[in-house]
Amino acid sequence: MHFEVLGEIENIVVIAEGGGVRIQRFLRKMYGGRRWRKMKGDAVVRFDDGRIRRAEVHWYEAHGIGRKGLKISRLLAEE
């Protein structure tokens, strides 16, 4: 499912860092970087079919590399 993040990601929390990031070896091989962290936050997203919903998104991030592997974890209640 393809989506686009609209606006800022809020309520950002670190889920795992260092050895706790299971795919750290893959991330270093693909993108470089050192201290990879798995992050989560809430964002408003637009799906390919035009629906706009609030969702919890997860991604990996390293200093100087930016956000990689952005995915939707779950949809949040509609407002």
Protein backbone atom coordinates (compact mmCIF):
# COMPACT_ATOMS: atom_id res chain seq x y z
CA MET A 1 0.00 0.00 0.00
CA HIS A 2 1.54 3.29 -1.07
CA PHE A 3 1.01 6.45 0.92
CA GLU A 4 2.27 10.00 1.37
CA VAL A 5 2.85 11.70 4.72
CA LEU A 6 1.06 15.05 4.91
CA GLY A 7 2.58 17.58 7.30
CA GLU A 8 4.80 16.76 10.26
CA ILE A 9 5.15 13.50 12.16
CA GLU A 10 4.19 14.06 15.83
CA ASN A 11 4.71 12.20 19.12
CA ILE A 12 8.01 10.73 17.92
CA VAL A 13 9.42 7.97 20.12
CA VAL A 14 12.55 5.80 19.80
CA ILE A 15 11.50 2.12 19.80
CA ALA A 16 14.97 0.56 19.50
CA GLU A 17 18.57 1.65 19.00
CA GLY A 18 21.98 0.05 18.63
CA GLY A 19 21.87 -3.74 18.90
CA GLY A 20 18.09 -3.65 19.34
CA VAL A 21 17.63 -2.75 15.66
CA ARG A 22 17.38 -6.21 14.10
CA ILE A 23 18.11 -5.19 10.51
CA GLN A 24 21.04 -2.95 11.40
CA ARG A 25 23.47 -4.90 9.20
CA PHE A 26 21.15 -4.50 6.19
CA LEU A 27 20.70 -0.76 6.84
CA ARG A 28 24.45 -0.16 7.07
CA LYS A 29 25.04 -2.12 3.86
CA MET A 30 22.30 -0.27 1.92
CA TYR A 31 22.63 3.28 3.24
CA GLY A 32 25.76 3.52 5.40
CA GLY A 33 25.55 5.33 8.70
CA ARG A 34 26.35 4.16 12.19
CA ARG A 35 23.77 4.61 14.95
CA TRP A 36 20.51 3.35 13.47
CA ARG A 37 17.32 3.81 15.47
CA LYS A 38 13.83 2.43 14.93
CA MET A 39 11.32 5.25 15.45
CA LYS A 40 7.56 5.65 15.59
CA GLY A 41 5.19 8.60 15.45
CA ASP A 42 1.71 9.76 14.45
CA ALA A 43 1.05 11.39 11.07
CA VAL A 44 -1.72 12.24 8.67
CA VAL A 45 -1.29 10.14 5.51
CA ARG A 46 -2.91 10.10 2.08
CA PHE A 47 -3.32 6.74 0.35
CA ASP A 48 -3.17 6.19 -3.42
CA ASP A 49 -6.97 5.99 -3.60
CA GLY A 50 -7.27 9.51 -2.08
CA ARG A 51 -8.31 8.53 1.46
CA ILE A 52 -6.75 10.66 4.20
CA ARG A 53 -6.32 9.09 7.64
CA ARG A 54 -4.28 9.49 10.80
CA ALA A 55 -1.85 6.60 11.27
CA GLU A 56 1.01 5.37 13.41
CA VAL A 57 4.09 5.16 11.21
CA HIS A 58 7.39 3.36 11.86
CA TRP A 59 10.77 4.02 10.21
CA TYR A 60 14.53 3.70 10.62
CA GLU A 61 16.74 6.73 11.00
CA ALA A 62 20.47 7.50 11.31
CA HIS A 63 22.31 10.80 11.66
CA GLY A 64 23.10 12.23 8.24
CA ILE A 65 21.05 9.56 6.44
CA GLY A 66 17.46 10.50 7.29
CA ARG A 67 14.27 8.43 7.36
CA LYS A 68 14.29 5.07 5.58
CA GLY A 69 11.76 2.26 5.40
CA LEU A 70 8.69 4.31 6.32
CA LYS A 71 5.65 2.06 6.88
CA ILE A 72 2.20 2.26 8.43
CA SER A 73 1.91 0.24 11.63
CA ARG A 74 -1.78 0.89 12.27
CA LEU A 75 -4.55 3.32 11.50
CA LEU A 76 -5.67 5.50 14.37
CA ALA A 77 -9.26 6.43 15.27
CA GLU A 78 -10.91 8.96 13.00
CA GLU A 79 -11.47 12.40 14.46
